[in-house]
Amino acid sequence: MGLKFRVELVWEDETDNASSMYLTSDGRVVLQGRAISPAERDALALPEGGEMISVDRNLIRAIKEML
């Protein structure tokens, strides 16, 4: 019998802003972020198709500190 799990890593800075990263049982890492609107996608000349999120500096700092 296989087990499935998800681990949530939550990092809070001194202003209590929280960012989350999810580690899934199939080896993926899912980051919490803000959805990118079609207008932002056009303005940034991002490729069509596929979902994208915007990750702020707080989440990048959280990743660095957790490593």
Protein backbone atom coordinates (compact mmCIF):
# COMPACT_ATOMS: atom_id res chain seq x y z
CA MET A 1 0.00 0.00 0.00
CA GLY A 2 1.48 3.36 -1.04
CA LEU A 3 1.25 6.44 1.07
CA LYS A 4 0.52 9.88 -0.33
CA PHE A 5 1.58 12.99 1.51
CA ARG A 6 2.00 16.70 1.15
CA VAL A 7 4.33 18.82 3.26
CA GLU A 8 3.68 22.53 3.64
CA LEU A 9 6.64 24.72 4.50
CA VAL A 10 5.56 28.10 5.85
CA TRP A 11 7.97 30.96 6.34
CA GLU A 12 6.99 34.14 8.15
CA ASP A 13 9.08 37.29 8.18
CA GLU A 14 9.20 39.97 10.84
CA THR A 15 6.00 41.55 9.44
CA ASP A 16 4.12 38.22 9.72
CA ASN A 17 3.83 37.89 5.93
CA ALA A 18 3.67 34.18 5.20
CA SER A 19 4.77 32.34 2.08
CA SER A 20 4.19 28.64 1.49
CA MET A 21 5.88 25.89 -0.49
CA TYR A 22 4.27 22.48 -0.87
CA LEU A 23 6.30 19.31 -1.34
CA THR A 24 4.16 16.58 -2.90
CA SER A 25 4.55 12.82 -2.75
CA ASP A 26 5.39 12.66 -6.46
CA GLY A 27 8.42 14.91 -5.98
CA ARG A 28 6.97 18.22 -7.16
CA VAL A 29 7.41 21.54 -5.41
CA VAL A 30 4.42 23.89 -5.61
CA LEU A 31 4.94 27.54 -4.71
CA GLN A 32 2.30 29.92 -3.43
CA GLY A 33 2.13 33.02 -5.58
CA ARG A 34 -0.09 35.57 -7.26
CA ALA A 35 -1.69 34.69 -10.60
CA ILE A 36 -0.41 36.65 -13.59
CA SER A 37 -3.16 38.40 -15.53
CA PRO A 38 -3.36 38.30 -19.35
CA ALA A 39 -2.46 42.02 -19.44
CA GLU A 40 0.69 41.41 -17.34
CA ARG A 41 1.59 38.44 -19.54
CA ASP A 42 1.38 40.67 -22.62
CA ALA A 43 3.28 43.55 -20.99
CA LEU A 44 6.11 41.22 -19.92
CA ALA A 45 6.10 39.35 -23.27
CA LEU A 46 5.67 36.01 -21.48
CA PRO A 47 4.93 32.91 -23.57
CA GLU A 48 1.35 31.87 -24.27
CA GLY A 49 -0.12 28.82 -22.60
CA GLY A 50 0.62 27.29 -19.23
CA GLU A 51 -0.23 28.77 -15.89
CA MET A 52 2.22 31.21 -14.35
CA ILE A 53 2.48 32.84 -10.96
CA SER A 54 4.40 35.83 -9.73
CA VAL A 55 6.70 35.07 -6.81
CA ASP A 56 7.80 38.01 -4.68
CA ARG A 57 11.11 38.59 -2.95
CA ASN A 58 9.73 37.33 0.36
CA LEU A 59 9.20 33.85 -1.06
CA ILE A 60 12.67 33.84 -2.62
CA ARG A 61 14.14 34.90 0.75
CA ALA A 62 12.13 32.12 2.44
CA ILE A 63 13.54 29.53 0.04
CA LYS A 64 17.09 30.73 0.66
CA GLU A 65 16.62 30.62 4.45
CA MET A 66 15.05 27.16 4.39
CA LEU A 67 17.99 25.81 2.42
